[in-house]
Amino acid sequence: MWEVSWTTDAARYDDQGDVPLGGYAALASVFAGSAGAFALLARRRGVRLPEEVPPWDVALMGTATYKASRLLTRDKITSFVRAPFTRRAGAGEGSEVMDEPRGSSVRRAVGDLVSCPFCTAGWVAGALVCSYAAAPRLTRLVCGGLSALTVADWLQYAWTATQQTTEG
């Protein structure tokens, strides 16, 4: 029979021993449980899943997922969401900030999640897919707003780059 001791070097996942595997497992369980709960609730309420998702909706949800994950993980205004799990590490591009996780176990795992736009994107995409299944028109509207914000950001960066080119 296998015996695992999390304190020995041989059982460590990484060299430093500070990867919060238990916290990650808890978060993965929350994600899977939420998806399962949505599926059960949707079935009980008679939600009919779309037979297909048009490519335009995939692009719209993808752009919205990108923007929502950046807003949650990098925006100054959403710092209050991340603050219990992260600390400010520096400034990013534009109005973005860089946070780093703090603590251990679940707190550290949540800090890793809310400071990583790639990690958060999976959660945002999951929420948008559930929303799309239950209320596609509303989801398209929300995704359209987030996508418009993404376009506006790119125009801001283009304008700044143009100014810097002409001034210098």
Protein backbone atom coordinates (compact mmCIF):
# COMPACT_ATOMS: atom_id res chain seq x y z
CA MET A 1 0.00 0.00 0.00
CA TRP A 2 1.24 3.49 -0.81
CA GLU A 3 2.01 5.92 1.92
CA VAL A 4 2.48 9.55 0.99
CA SER A 5 4.14 12.00 3.31
CA TRP A 6 3.86 15.59 2.08
CA THR A 7 6.87 16.61 4.15
CA THR A 8 9.56 14.51 2.48
CA ASP A 9 11.61 15.71 -0.45
CA ALA A 10 10.64 12.66 -2.47
CA ALA A 11 6.93 13.49 -2.17
CA ARG A 12 7.23 17.16 -3.12
CA TYR A 13 5.64 18.31 -6.31
CA ASP A 14 8.24 21.06 -6.81
CA ASP A 15 11.69 21.89 -5.47
CA GLN A 16 10.43 24.56 -3.07
CA GLY A 17 7.48 22.57 -1.74
CA ASP A 18 5.16 25.56 -1.91
CA VAL A 19 2.68 24.50 -4.59
CA PRO A 20 -0.76 24.43 -2.89
CA LEU A 21 -1.99 21.17 -4.42
CA GLY A 22 -4.75 20.80 -1.82
CA GLY A 23 -5.98 24.31 -2.59
CA TYR A 24 -5.89 23.61 -6.31
CA ALA A 25 -7.89 20.42 -5.75
CA ALA A 26 -10.45 22.38 -3.72
CA LEU A 27 -10.81 24.99 -6.49
CA ALA A 28 -11.09 22.31 -9.19
CA SER A 29 -13.79 20.65 -7.10
CA VAL A 30 -15.69 23.93 -6.81
CA PHE A 31 -15.48 24.42 -10.59
CA ALA A 32 -16.60 20.87 -11.38
CA GLY A 33 -19.32 20.99 -8.73
CA SER A 34 -20.63 24.29 -10.08
CA ALA A 35 -20.74 22.94 -13.63
CA GLY A 36 -22.54 19.84 -12.41
CA ALA A 37 -25.01 21.87 -10.34
CA PHE A 38 -25.75 24.06 -13.35
CA ALA A 39 -26.30 21.00 -15.54
CA LEU A 40 -28.74 19.48 -13.01
CA LEU A 41 -30.61 22.74 -12.48
CA ALA A 42 -30.80 23.41 -16.22
CA ARG A 43 -32.15 19.92 -16.83
CA ARG A 44 -34.78 20.25 -14.10
CA ARG A 45 -35.91 23.59 -15.47
CA GLY A 46 -36.09 22.27 -19.01
CA VAL A 47 -33.32 24.40 -20.48
CA ARG A 48 -32.78 23.27 -24.05
CA LEU A 49 -29.15 23.35 -25.05
CA PRO A 50 -28.37 24.84 -28.44
CA GLU A 51 -27.77 22.25 -31.14
CA GLU A 52 -24.75 24.24 -32.28
CA VAL A 53 -22.84 27.35 -31.33
CA PRO A 54 -22.23 29.59 -34.33
CA PRO A 55 -18.61 30.66 -34.92
CA TRP A 56 -19.60 34.30 -34.34
CA ASP A 57 -20.82 33.45 -30.83
CA VAL A 58 -17.60 31.55 -30.13
CA ALA A 59 -15.57 34.60 -31.20
CA LEU A 60 -17.79 36.92 -29.16
CA MET A 61 -17.52 34.74 -26.03
CA GLY A 62 -13.77 34.34 -26.58
CA THR A 63 -13.23 38.09 -26.77
CA ALA A 64 -15.46 38.63 -23.73
CA THR A 65 -13.62 35.90 -21.81
CA TYR A 66 -10.32 37.60 -22.60
CA LYS A 67 -11.55 40.99 -21.39
CA ALA A 68 -13.37 39.75 -18.29
CA SER A 69 -10.34 37.74 -17.18
CA ARG A 70 -8.10 40.82 -17.63
CA LEU A 71 -10.57 42.97 -15.69
CA LEU A 72 -10.70 40.50 -12.83
CA THR A 73 -6.96 39.82 -12.62
CA ARG A 74 -5.29 43.06 -13.67
CA ASP A 75 -7.62 46.06 -13.33
CA LYS A 76 -6.91 48.57 -10.56
CA ILE A 77 -10.60 48.90 -9.74
CA THR A 78 -11.02 45.17 -9.07
CA SER A 79 -8.07 45.10 -6.64
CA PHE A 80 -10.53 44.79 -3.76
CA VAL A 81 -11.51 41.33 -5.07
CA ARG A 82 -7.89 40.17 -5.20
CA ALA A 83 -6.58 41.92 -2.07
CA PRO A 84 -7.39 39.15 0.45
CA PHE A 85 -5.42 36.67 -1.67
CA THR A 86 -2.69 38.78 -3.34
CA ARG A 87 -0.35 41.70 -2.79
CA ARG A 88 0.56 44.40 -5.28
CA ALA A 89 3.79 43.53 -7.05
CA GLY A 90 3.96 46.41 -9.50
CA ALA A 91 2.40 48.24 -12.41
CA GLY A 92 1.56 46.66 -15.73
CA GLU A 93 0.81 48.18 -19.11
CA GLY A 94 -1.84 50.88 -19.40
CA SER A 95 -3.93 50.95 -16.24
CA GLU A 96 -3.18 47.37 -15.31
CA VAL A 97 -1.46 46.25 -12.12
CA MET A 98 0.51 43.12 -11.31
CA ASP A 99 -0.38 41.17 -8.19
CA GLU A 100 1.31 38.12 -6.70
CA PRO A 101 -0.37 35.45 -4.59
CA ARG A 102 0.14 35.30 -0.85
CA GLY A 103 -0.52 32.88 1.94
CA SER A 104 -0.67 29.12 1.74
CA SER A 105 -3.12 26.33 0.99
CA VAL A 106 -6.49 27.52 -0.34
CA ARG A 107 -5.64 31.20 0.12
CA ARG A 108 -2.54 30.78 -2.02
CA ALA A 109 -4.46 28.75 -4.62
CA VAL A 110 -7.12 31.46 -4.89
CA GLY A 111 -4.32 34.05 -5.12
CA ASP A 112 -2.80 32.11 -8.00
CA LEU A 113 -6.20 31.99 -9.70
CA VAL A 114 -7.14 35.66 -9.31
CA SER A 115 -3.71 36.95 -10.31
CA CYS A 116 -3.51 34.91 -13.53
CA PRO A 117 -5.66 35.95 -16.52
CA PHE A 118 -5.04 32.59 -18.21
CA CYS A 119 -6.24 30.71 -15.11
CA THR A 120 -9.26 32.94 -14.60
CA ALA A 121 -10.24 32.67 -18.28
CA GLY A 122 -11.35 29.06 -17.79
CA TRP A 123 -13.71 30.09 -15.02
CA VAL A 124 -15.04 33.05 -16.99
CA ALA A 125 -15.56 30.88 -20.09
CA GLY A 126 -17.38 28.32 -17.97
CA ALA A 127 -19.71 30.99 -16.58
CA LEU A 128 -20.36 32.42 -20.05
CA VAL A 129 -21.09 28.97 -21.52
CA CYS A 130 -23.60 28.28 -18.74
CA SER A 131 -25.15 31.70 -19.27
CA TYR A 132 -25.27 31.14 -23.03
CA ALA A 133 -27.11 27.87 -22.52
CA ALA A 134 -29.69 29.47 -20.24
CA ALA A 135 -30.00 32.97 -21.74
CA PRO A 136 -28.23 33.31 -25.10
CA ARG A 137 -29.56 36.79 -25.91
CA LEU A 138 -28.47 38.23 -22.58
CA THR A 139 -25.10 36.52 -22.85
CA ARG A 140 -24.55 37.93 -26.35
CA LEU A 141 -25.34 41.41 -25.01
CA VAL A 142 -22.89 41.10 -22.11
CA CYS A 143 -20.25 39.60 -24.40
CA GLY A 144 -20.83 42.39 -26.91
CA GLY A 145 -20.17 44.98 -24.22
CA LEU A 146 -16.99 43.27 -23.07
CA SER A 147 -15.86 42.85 -26.68
CA ALA A 148 -16.48 46.55 -27.36
CA LEU A 149 -14.30 47.32 -24.37
CA THR A 150 -11.57 45.10 -25.82
CA VAL A 151 -11.72 47.01 -29.11
CA ALA A 152 -11.59 50.30 -27.20
CA ASP A 153 -8.48 49.12 -25.34
CA TRP A 154 -6.73 48.24 -28.59
CA LEU A 155 -7.64 51.66 -30.01
CA GLN A 156 -6.20 53.31 -26.89
CA TYR A 157 -2.94 51.39 -27.36
CA ALA A 158 -2.89 52.26 -31.08
CA TRP A 159 -3.45 55.93 -30.31
CA THR A 160 -0.69 55.96 -27.71
CA ALA A 161 1.71 54.22 -30.09
CA THR A 162 0.86 56.71 -32.84
CA GLN A 163 1.48 59.64 -30.50
CA GLN A 164 4.80 58.22 -29.37
CA THR A 165 5.86 57.67 -32.99
CA THR A 166 5.01 61.22 -34.05
CA GLU A 167 6.54 62.83 -30.96
CA GLY A 168 9.70 60.97 -30.82
